[in-house]
Amino acid sequence: MTLSTVRPDGRPDARSVVLLNVDARGWHFAASTRSPKGRQIENRPFAALTFYWPAIASQVRLSGPVERLPAAEGRADFAGRPERSRASILAGRQSERLDDPADLTRAIDAQLARLAADPALVSDDWHLYTLAPDEAEFWRADSARRFARQAYRRADQRWERCALWP
């Protein structure tokens, strides 16, 4: 899915992330609080998710507030990841400039050694977040270019629906 947040200068920032779960709390994804997305969410706890399926000419957009889930859930997610993934997370520095690819290899190797010495090691910066949508839009194309759009807005404890012009 595409996760969109806002940078401190007001510019939008979008990237693909893995949808980990959907439950009554919302749509779950993971991030390091040291990453740009983690810092952006901590600064402005709202985001948008976009799902696009070109084969069926459909898109779903969700937006709403984002909350950090309990630390135990983030630790469990971290512990369940493959070793190299955990080492990469522990190496940190996501989205910082990398001048020499060998620096990345050395950093991951150092974290692999830490994990070998302490398999229960978890990152204090790794968290699960949930987006609880208060807006949703469903878009569908057809061959005659009569696009169908349905918007939903949460009002109190119920959803209000309306059709939108394409």
N, C-alpha and C. Protein backbone atom coordinates (compact mmCIF):
# COMPACT_ATOMS: atom_id res chain seq x y z
N MET A 1 0.86 -1.17 0.00
CA MET A 1 0.00 0.00 0.00
C MET A 1 0.90 1.23 0.00
N THR A 2 0.37 2.34 -0.43
CA THR A 2 1.10 3.59 -0.39
C THR A 2 0.67 4.35 0.86
N LEU A 3 1.65 4.73 1.67
CA LEU A 3 1.42 5.53 2.87
C LEU A 3 1.88 6.95 2.58
N SER A 4 1.00 7.91 2.77
CA SER A 4 1.33 9.31 2.55
C SER A 4 1.28 10.06 3.87
N THR A 5 2.34 10.82 4.12
CA THR A 5 2.45 11.65 5.31
C THR A 5 2.83 13.06 4.84
N VAL A 6 3.11 13.94 5.78
CA VAL A 6 3.47 15.31 5.44
C VAL A 6 4.80 15.66 6.10
N ARG A 7 5.71 16.21 5.30
CA ARG A 7 7.01 16.64 5.83
C ARG A 7 6.84 17.92 6.64
N PRO A 8 7.82 18.27 7.46
CA PRO A 8 7.72 19.50 8.26
C PRO A 8 7.50 20.76 7.42
N ASP A 9 8.00 20.76 6.16
CA ASP A 9 7.83 21.94 5.31
C ASP A 9 6.48 21.95 4.59
N GLY A 10 5.61 20.97 4.91
CA GLY A 10 4.28 20.92 4.33
C GLY A 10 4.18 20.11 3.05
N ARG A 11 5.31 19.64 2.53
CA ARG A 11 5.29 18.85 1.29
C ARG A 11 4.81 17.44 1.59
N PRO A 12 4.02 16.86 0.66
CA PRO A 12 3.60 15.47 0.86
C PRO A 12 4.77 14.52 0.68
N ASP A 13 4.68 13.37 1.32
CA ASP A 13 5.72 12.35 1.24
C ASP A 13 5.02 11.00 1.18
N ALA A 14 5.26 10.25 0.12
CA ALA A 14 4.58 8.96 -0.06
C ALA A 14 5.60 7.87 -0.30
N ARG A 15 5.26 6.68 0.20
CA ARG A 15 6.12 5.51 0.00
C ARG A 15 5.27 4.26 0.15
N SER A 16 5.76 3.15 -0.41
CA SER A 16 5.08 1.86 -0.25
C SER A 16 5.51 1.23 1.06
N VAL A 17 4.54 0.70 1.78
CA VAL A 17 4.80 -0.03 3.02
C VAL A 17 3.94 -1.29 3.02
N VAL A 18 4.26 -2.19 3.92
CA VAL A 18 3.51 -3.45 4.02
C VAL A 18 2.33 -3.25 4.96
N LEU A 19 1.15 -3.64 4.50
CA LEU A 19 -0.02 -3.68 5.37
C LEU A 19 0.10 -4.94 6.22
N LEU A 20 0.24 -4.76 7.52
CA LEU A 20 0.48 -5.90 8.42
C LEU A 20 -0.80 -6.53 8.94
N ASN A 21 -1.83 -5.73 9.12
CA ASN A 21 -3.07 -6.25 9.71
C ASN A 21 -4.15 -5.19 9.57
N VAL A 22 -5.39 -5.65 9.62
CA VAL A 22 -6.54 -4.76 9.72
C VAL A 22 -7.42 -5.33 10.81
N ASP A 23 -7.79 -4.49 11.77
CA ASP A 23 -8.70 -4.93 12.82
C ASP A 23 -9.59 -3.75 13.22
N ALA A 24 -10.31 -3.90 14.30
CA ALA A 24 -11.24 -2.85 14.72
C ALA A 24 -10.53 -1.54 15.03
N ARG A 25 -9.24 -1.59 15.33
CA ARG A 25 -8.49 -0.37 15.63
C ARG A 25 -8.08 0.38 14.38
N GLY A 26 -7.90 -0.34 13.26
CA GLY A 26 -7.51 0.31 12.03
C GLY A 26 -6.61 -0.56 11.17
N TRP A 27 -5.86 0.11 10.31
CA TRP A 27 -4.98 -0.50 9.32
C TRP A 27 -3.55 -0.35 9.84
N HIS A 28 -2.84 -1.47 10.02
CA HIS A 28 -1.56 -1.49 10.73
C HIS A 28 -0.36 -1.55 9.79
N PHE A 29 0.67 -0.80 10.17
CA PHE A 29 1.95 -0.82 9.47
C PHE A 29 3.04 -0.55 10.50
N ALA A 30 4.28 -0.79 10.13
CA ALA A 30 5.41 -0.62 11.05
C ALA A 30 6.34 0.47 10.54
N ALA A 31 7.05 1.09 11.49
CA ALA A 31 8.04 2.11 11.13
C ALA A 31 8.96 2.34 12.31
N SER A 32 10.14 2.80 11.99
CA SER A 32 11.08 3.26 13.01
C SER A 32 10.78 4.73 13.30
N THR A 33 10.82 5.11 14.56
CA THR A 33 10.61 6.52 14.90
C THR A 33 11.78 7.38 14.42
N ARG A 34 12.89 6.75 14.01
CA ARG A 34 14.02 7.50 13.47
C ARG A 34 13.91 7.71 11.97
N SER A 35 12.98 7.02 11.31
CA SER A 35 12.82 7.15 9.87
C SER A 35 12.02 8.42 9.55
N PRO A 36 12.10 8.91 8.31
CA PRO A 36 11.28 10.07 7.96
C PRO A 36 9.79 9.83 8.22
N LYS A 37 9.27 8.67 7.84
CA LYS A 37 7.84 8.44 8.07
C LYS A 37 7.51 8.41 9.55
N GLY A 38 8.36 7.80 10.35
CA GLY A 38 8.12 7.77 11.79
C GLY A 38 8.14 9.16 12.40
N ARG A 39 9.11 9.98 12.00
CA ARG A 39 9.19 11.35 12.51
C ARG A 39 7.99 12.18 12.04
N GLN A 40 7.60 11.98 10.78
CA GLN A 40 6.46 12.73 10.25
C GLN A 40 5.17 12.37 10.98
N ILE A 41 4.99 11.09 11.27
CA ILE A 41 3.78 10.67 12.00
C ILE A 41 3.80 11.21 13.42
N GLU A 42 4.96 11.18 14.06
CA GLU A 42 5.05 11.70 15.42
C GLU A 42 4.76 13.21 15.44
N ASN A 43 5.17 13.91 14.38
CA ASN A 43 4.97 15.36 14.29
C ASN A 43 3.53 15.72 13.92
N ARG A 44 2.97 15.00 12.96
CA ARG A 44 1.59 15.21 12.51
C ARG A 44 0.93 13.84 12.41
N PRO A 45 0.18 13.45 13.41
CA PRO A 45 -0.35 12.08 13.46
C PRO A 45 -1.57 11.83 12.58
N PHE A 46 -1.42 12.14 11.29
CA PHE A 46 -2.45 11.87 10.30
C PHE A 46 -1.76 11.34 9.06
N ALA A 47 -2.45 10.50 8.30
CA ALA A 47 -1.85 9.95 7.09
C ALA A 47 -2.96 9.50 6.15
N ALA A 48 -2.54 9.11 4.95
CA ALA A 48 -3.45 8.55 3.96
C ALA A 48 -2.84 7.26 3.43
N LEU A 49 -3.71 6.32 3.11
CA LEU A 49 -3.31 5.05 2.50
C LEU A 49 -3.97 4.96 1.13
N THR A 50 -3.25 4.45 0.15
CA THR A 50 -3.81 4.26 -1.18
C THR A 50 -3.50 2.85 -1.64
N PHE A 51 -4.52 2.19 -2.16
CA PHE A 51 -4.40 0.86 -2.75
C PHE A 51 -4.89 0.98 -4.19
N TYR A 52 -4.10 0.49 -5.14
CA TYR A 52 -4.47 0.57 -6.55
C TYR A 52 -4.31 -0.80 -7.19
N TRP A 53 -5.33 -1.21 -7.93
CA TRP A 53 -5.33 -2.49 -8.63
C TRP A 53 -5.59 -2.21 -10.11
N PRO A 54 -4.52 -2.04 -10.91
CA PRO A 54 -4.73 -1.72 -12.33
C PRO A 54 -5.48 -2.81 -13.09
N ALA A 55 -5.30 -4.07 -12.72
CA ALA A 55 -5.96 -5.16 -13.44
C ALA A 55 -7.48 -5.07 -13.37
N ILE A 56 -7.99 -4.48 -12.30
CA ILE A 56 -9.45 -4.34 -12.18
C ILE A 56 -9.86 -2.86 -12.17
N ALA A 57 -8.92 -1.99 -12.52
CA ALA A 57 -9.17 -0.55 -12.64
C ALA A 57 -9.89 0.01 -11.42
N SER A 58 -9.32 -0.29 -10.26
CA SER A 58 -9.93 0.15 -9.00
C SER A 58 -8.88 0.73 -8.06
N GLN A 59 -9.36 1.64 -7.23
CA GLN A 59 -8.49 2.26 -6.23
C GLN A 59 -9.31 2.51 -4.97
N VAL A 60 -8.65 2.38 -3.82
CA VAL A 60 -9.26 2.72 -2.54
C VAL A 60 -8.30 3.68 -1.84
N ARG A 61 -8.85 4.77 -1.31
CA ARG A 61 -8.07 5.72 -0.53
C ARG A 61 -8.69 5.83 0.85
N LEU A 62 -7.85 5.80 1.87
CA LEU A 62 -8.28 5.95 3.26
C LEU A 62 -7.45 7.05 3.89
N SER A 63 -8.04 7.84 4.77
CA SER A 63 -7.25 8.82 5.51
C SER A 63 -7.83 8.99 6.90
N GLY A 64 -6.94 9.40 7.81
CA GLY A 64 -7.39 9.60 9.18
C GLY A 64 -6.23 9.70 10.14
N PRO A 65 -6.55 9.73 11.41
CA PRO A 65 -5.51 9.83 12.43
C PRO A 65 -4.72 8.54 12.57
N VAL A 66 -3.46 8.69 12.96
CA VAL A 66 -2.56 7.55 13.16
C VAL A 66 -2.16 7.52 14.63
N GLU A 67 -2.19 6.33 15.21
CA GLU A 67 -1.75 6.15 16.60
C GLU A 67 -0.69 5.07 16.66
N ARG A 68 0.22 5.23 17.60
CA ARG A 68 1.22 4.20 17.86
C ARG A 68 0.55 3.13 18.71
N LEU A 69 0.75 1.87 18.32
CA LEU A 69 0.19 0.76 19.08
C LEU A 69 1.08 0.46 20.29
N PRO A 70 0.58 -0.34 21.24
CA PRO A 70 1.39 -0.66 22.42
C PRO A 70 2.77 -1.22 22.05
N ALA A 71 3.77 -0.87 22.86
CA ALA A 71 5.16 -1.27 22.59
C ALA A 71 5.31 -2.77 22.44
N ALA A 72 4.54 -3.54 23.19
CA ALA A 72 4.64 -5.01 23.11
C ALA A 72 4.31 -5.50 21.71
N GLU A 73 3.39 -4.85 21.02
CA GLU A 73 3.04 -5.26 19.66
C GLU A 73 4.18 -4.95 18.69
N GLY A 74 4.84 -3.81 18.87
CA GLY A 74 5.99 -3.48 18.04
C GLY A 74 7.14 -4.44 18.27
N ARG A 75 7.38 -4.79 19.54
CA ARG A 75 8.45 -5.74 19.84
C ARG A 75 8.15 -7.10 19.22
N ALA A 76 6.90 -7.54 19.29
CA ALA A 76 6.53 -8.84 18.71
C ALA A 76 6.70 -8.81 17.19
N ASP A 77 6.33 -7.71 16.55
CA ASP A 77 6.52 -7.60 15.11
C ASP A 77 8.00 -7.67 14.77
N PHE A 78 8.81 -6.92 15.50
CA PHE A 78 10.26 -6.92 15.27
C PHE A 78 10.82 -8.33 15.43
N ALA A 79 10.47 -9.00 16.52
CA ALA A 79 11.00 -10.34 16.80
C ALA A 79 10.59 -11.35 15.74
N GLY A 80 9.46 -11.15 15.09
CA GLY A 80 8.98 -12.08 14.08
C GLY A 80 9.57 -11.87 12.69
N ARG A 81 10.37 -10.87 12.53
CA ARG A 81 10.96 -10.59 11.22
C ARG A 81 12.21 -11.44 10.99
N PRO A 82 12.56 -11.67 9.71
CA PRO A 82 13.79 -12.41 9.41
C PRO A 82 15.01 -11.68 10.00
N GLU A 83 16.04 -12.45 10.26
CA GLU A 83 17.24 -11.91 10.91
C GLU A 83 17.84 -10.72 10.16
N ARG A 84 17.95 -10.83 8.84
CA ARG A 84 18.55 -9.72 8.07
C ARG A 84 17.67 -8.47 8.13
N SER A 85 16.37 -8.66 8.17
CA SER A 85 15.47 -7.52 8.31
C SER A 85 15.68 -6.83 9.65
N ARG A 86 15.79 -7.62 10.72
CA ARG A 86 16.04 -7.06 12.05
C ARG A 86 17.39 -6.34 12.08
N ALA A 87 18.41 -6.93 11.45
CA ALA A 87 19.73 -6.30 11.42
C ALA A 87 19.67 -4.97 10.67
N SER A 88 18.94 -4.93 9.58
CA SER A 88 18.81 -3.70 8.81
C SER A 88 18.10 -2.62 9.63
N ILE A 89 17.05 -3.00 10.35
CA ILE A 89 16.35 -2.05 11.21
C ILE A 89 17.28 -1.53 12.30
N LEU A 90 18.01 -2.44 12.93
CA LEU A 90 18.94 -2.03 14.00
C LEU A 90 20.05 -1.12 13.48
N ALA A 91 20.47 -1.34 12.24
CA ALA A 91 21.51 -0.49 11.66
C ALA A 91 21.02 0.94 11.50
N GLY A 92 19.69 1.09 11.36
CA GLY A 92 19.08 2.42 11.32
C GLY A 92 19.51 3.25 10.14
N ARG A 93 19.43 4.56 10.29
CA ARG A 93 19.85 5.55 9.31
C ARG A 93 19.02 5.53 8.04
N GLN A 94 17.78 5.05 8.10
CA GLN A 94 16.93 4.98 6.92
C GLN A 94 16.80 6.35 6.26
N SER A 95 16.98 6.36 4.97
CA SER A 95 16.84 7.54 4.11
C SER A 95 17.97 8.56 4.26
N GLU A 96 18.98 8.27 5.08
CA GLU A 96 20.15 9.15 5.12
C GLU A 96 21.03 8.88 3.91
N ARG A 97 21.84 9.83 3.54
CA ARG A 97 22.75 9.67 2.41
C ARG A 97 23.73 8.53 2.68
N LEU A 98 23.94 7.69 1.67
CA LEU A 98 24.89 6.58 1.74
C LEU A 98 25.96 6.82 0.68
N ASP A 99 27.15 7.19 1.11
CA ASP A 99 28.23 7.49 0.17
C ASP A 99 28.96 6.24 -0.28
N ASP A 100 29.03 5.23 0.57
CA ASP A 100 29.78 4.01 0.24
C ASP A 100 28.93 2.80 0.61
N PRO A 101 28.51 1.99 -0.37
CA PRO A 101 27.71 0.81 -0.08
C PRO A 101 28.37 -0.13 0.93
N ALA A 102 29.69 -0.09 1.02
CA ALA A 102 30.38 -0.94 2.00
C ALA A 102 30.01 -0.54 3.43
N ASP A 103 29.66 0.73 3.64
CA ASP A 103 29.23 1.17 4.98
C ASP A 103 27.96 0.44 5.39
N LEU A 104 27.05 0.27 4.45
CA LEU A 104 25.81 -0.45 4.74
C LEU A 104 26.11 -1.91 5.08
N THR A 105 26.96 -2.53 4.29
CA THR A 105 27.32 -3.93 4.55
C THR A 105 27.94 -4.07 5.94
N ARG A 106 28.86 -3.18 6.28
CA ARG A 106 29.50 -3.24 7.61
C ARG A 106 28.48 -3.02 8.73
N ALA A 107 27.57 -2.08 8.55
CA ALA A 107 26.57 -1.80 9.59
C ALA A 107 25.64 -2.99 9.80
N ILE A 108 25.21 -3.61 8.71
CA ILE A 108 24.33 -4.78 8.84
C ILE A 108 25.09 -5.95 9.43
N ASP A 109 26.33 -6.16 9.00
CA ASP A 109 27.14 -7.25 9.58
C ASP A 109 27.32 -7.05 11.09
N ALA A 110 27.54 -5.82 11.52
CA ALA A 110 27.70 -5.53 12.95
C ALA A 110 26.41 -5.86 13.71
N GLN A 111 25.27 -5.56 13.11
CA GLN A 111 24.00 -5.85 13.77
C GLN A 111 23.68 -7.35 13.74
N LEU A 112 24.10 -8.04 12.69
CA LEU A 112 23.95 -9.50 12.67
C LEU A 112 24.75 -10.13 13.80
N ALA A 113 25.94 -9.60 14.07
CA ALA A 113 26.76 -10.10 15.18
C ALA A 113 26.07 -9.83 16.52
N ARG A 114 25.48 -8.66 16.66
CA ARG A 114 24.74 -8.35 17.90
C ARG A 114 23.57 -9.32 18.09
N LEU A 115 22.85 -9.61 16.99
CA LEU A 115 21.71 -10.52 17.07
C LEU A 115 22.16 -11.95 17.38
N ALA A 116 23.32 -12.34 16.85
CA ALA A 116 23.84 -13.68 17.15
C ALA A 116 24.18 -13.79 18.63
N ALA A 117 24.70 -12.72 19.20
CA ALA A 117 25.06 -12.72 20.63
C ALA A 117 23.83 -12.59 21.52
N ASP A 118 22.79 -11.93 21.02
CA ASP A 118 21.57 -11.70 21.80
C ASP A 118 20.36 -11.84 20.90
N PRO A 119 19.89 -13.08 20.65
CA PRO A 119 18.77 -13.30 19.73
C PRO A 119 17.48 -12.60 20.15
N ALA A 120 17.35 -12.23 21.42
CA ALA A 120 16.13 -11.56 21.90
C ALA A 120 16.20 -10.04 21.74
N LEU A 121 17.29 -9.53 21.17
CA LEU A 121 17.47 -8.09 21.01
C LEU A 121 16.36 -7.51 20.14
N VAL A 122 15.78 -6.40 20.58
CA VAL A 122 14.77 -5.70 19.78
C VAL A 122 15.15 -4.22 19.69
N SER A 123 14.63 -3.57 18.69
CA SER A 123 14.88 -2.15 18.50
C SER A 123 13.88 -1.35 19.33
N ASP A 124 14.39 -0.40 20.10
CA ASP A 124 13.52 0.49 20.87
C ASP A 124 12.79 1.48 19.97
N ASP A 125 13.26 1.63 18.74
CA ASP A 125 12.69 2.61 17.81
C ASP A 125 11.63 2.01 16.89
N TRP A 126 11.43 0.69 16.95
CA TRP A 126 10.52 0.02 16.03
C TRP A 126 9.12 -0.04 16.64
N HIS A 127 8.14 0.46 15.90
CA HIS A 127 6.78 0.52 16.42
C HIS A 127 5.77 0.11 15.36
N LEU A 128 4.65 -0.36 15.82
CA LEU A 128 3.50 -0.55 14.95
C LEU A 128 2.60 0.67 15.11
N TYR A 129 2.01 1.05 14.00
CA TYR A 129 1.08 2.17 13.97
C TYR A 129 -0.22 1.68 13.36
N THR A 130 -1.30 2.38 13.69
CA THR A 130 -2.58 2.07 13.07
C THR A 130 -3.23 3.36 12.58
N LEU A 131 -3.71 3.31 11.36
CA LEU A 131 -4.49 4.41 10.81
C LEU A 131 -5.95 4.04 10.98
N ALA A 132 -6.70 4.87 11.69
CA ALA A 132 -8.13 4.66 11.89
C ALA A 132 -8.87 5.58 10.92
N PRO A 133 -9.32 5.06 9.79
CA PRO A 133 -9.88 5.94 8.77
C PRO A 133 -11.12 6.70 9.25
N ASP A 134 -11.15 7.98 8.89
CA ASP A 134 -12.39 8.73 9.06
C ASP A 134 -12.90 9.24 7.71
N GLU A 135 -12.13 8.92 6.66
CA GLU A 135 -12.55 9.17 5.28
C GLU A 135 -12.10 8.00 4.41
N ALA A 136 -12.95 7.64 3.46
CA ALA A 136 -12.61 6.58 2.50
C ALA A 136 -13.21 6.94 1.15
N GLU A 137 -12.49 6.58 0.11
CA GLU A 137 -13.03 6.79 -1.24
C GLU A 137 -12.72 5.56 -2.08
N PHE A 138 -13.73 5.12 -2.81
CA PHE A 138 -13.62 3.99 -3.72
C PHE A 138 -13.79 4.52 -5.14
N TRP A 139 -12.85 4.18 -6.01
CA TRP A 139 -12.86 4.64 -7.39
C TRP A 139 -12.80 3.42 -8.30
N ARG A 140 -13.60 3.47 -9.37
CA ARG A 140 -13.59 2.38 -10.34
C ARG A 140 -13.74 2.97 -11.74
N ALA A 141 -12.91 2.49 -12.66
CA ALA A 141 -12.97 2.94 -14.05
C ALA A 141 -13.80 1.96 -14.87
N ASP A 142 -14.26 2.44 -16.01
CA ASP A 142 -14.86 1.53 -16.99
C ASP A 142 -14.37 1.92 -18.37
N SER A 143 -14.64 1.10 -19.36
CA SER A 143 -14.08 1.31 -20.70
C SER A 143 -14.60 2.59 -21.35
N ALA A 144 -15.75 3.10 -20.92
CA ALA A 144 -16.30 4.33 -21.48
C ALA A 144 -15.82 5.56 -20.70
N ARG A 145 -14.89 5.36 -19.79
CA ARG A 145 -14.33 6.43 -18.97
C ARG A 145 -15.39 7.12 -18.11
N ARG A 146 -16.40 6.35 -17.73
CA ARG A 146 -17.38 6.85 -16.75
C ARG A 146 -16.93 6.33 -15.40
N PHE A 147 -16.06 7.07 -14.78
CA PHE A 147 -15.50 6.64 -13.51
C PHE A 147 -16.54 6.76 -12.41
N ALA A 148 -16.58 5.77 -11.56
CA ALA A 148 -17.50 5.78 -10.43
C ALA A 148 -16.71 6.04 -9.16
N ARG A 149 -17.15 7.03 -8.39
CA ARG A 149 -16.48 7.37 -7.14
C ARG A 149 -17.52 7.43 -6.02
N GLN A 150 -17.20 6.75 -4.93
CA GLN A 150 -18.04 6.77 -3.73
C GLN A 150 -17.17 7.24 -2.57
N ALA A 151 -17.64 8.24 -1.85
CA ALA A 151 -16.89 8.75 -0.70
C ALA A 151 -17.66 8.44 0.57
N TYR A 152 -16.91 8.13 1.60
CA TYR A 152 -17.48 7.85 2.93
C TYR A 152 -16.78 8.75 3.93
N ARG A 153 -17.57 9.37 4.81
CA ARG A 153 -17.02 10.20 5.87
C ARG A 153 -17.62 9.74 7.19
N ARG A 154 -16.77 9.57 8.18
CA ARG A 154 -17.26 9.16 9.50
C ARG A 154 -17.89 10.38 10.17
N ALA A 155 -19.11 10.21 10.61
CA ALA A 155 -19.82 11.25 11.35
C ALA A 155 -20.34 10.61 12.62
N ASP A 156 -19.78 11.04 13.74
CA ASP A 156 -20.08 10.41 15.03
C ASP A 156 -19.68 8.94 14.94
N GLN A 157 -20.60 8.04 15.14
CA GLN A 157 -20.28 6.60 15.11
C GLN A 157 -20.78 5.91 13.85
N ARG A 158 -21.13 6.67 12.83
CA ARG A 158 -21.60 6.06 11.59
C ARG A 158 -20.91 6.69 10.39
N TRP A 159 -21.05 6.03 9.27
CA TRP A 159 -20.44 6.51 8.03
C TRP A 159 -21.53 7.13 7.15
N GLU A 160 -21.22 8.29 6.56
CA GLU A 160 -22.10 8.92 5.58
C GLU A 160 -21.48 8.69 4.21
N ARG A 161 -22.32 8.34 3.24
CA ARG A 161 -21.84 8.01 1.90
C ARG A 161 -22.41 8.97 0.90
N CYS A 162 -21.61 9.29 -0.12
CA CYS A 162 -22.12 10.08 -1.24
C CYS A 162 -21.33 9.71 -2.49
N ALA A 163 -21.96 9.93 -3.63
CA ALA A 163 -21.28 9.76 -4.91
C ALA A 163 -20.54 11.05 -5.22
N LEU A 164 -19.42 10.93 -5.94
CA LEU A 164 -18.64 12.10 -6.34
C LEU A 164 -18.56 12.18 -7.86
N TRP A 165 -18.50 13.38 -8.36
CA TRP A 165 -18.23 13.55 -9.78
C TRP A 165 -16.83 13.01 -10.06
N PRO A 166 -16.67 12.40 -11.25
CA PRO A 166 -15.33 11.90 -11.58
C PRO A 166 -14.37 13.04 -11.72
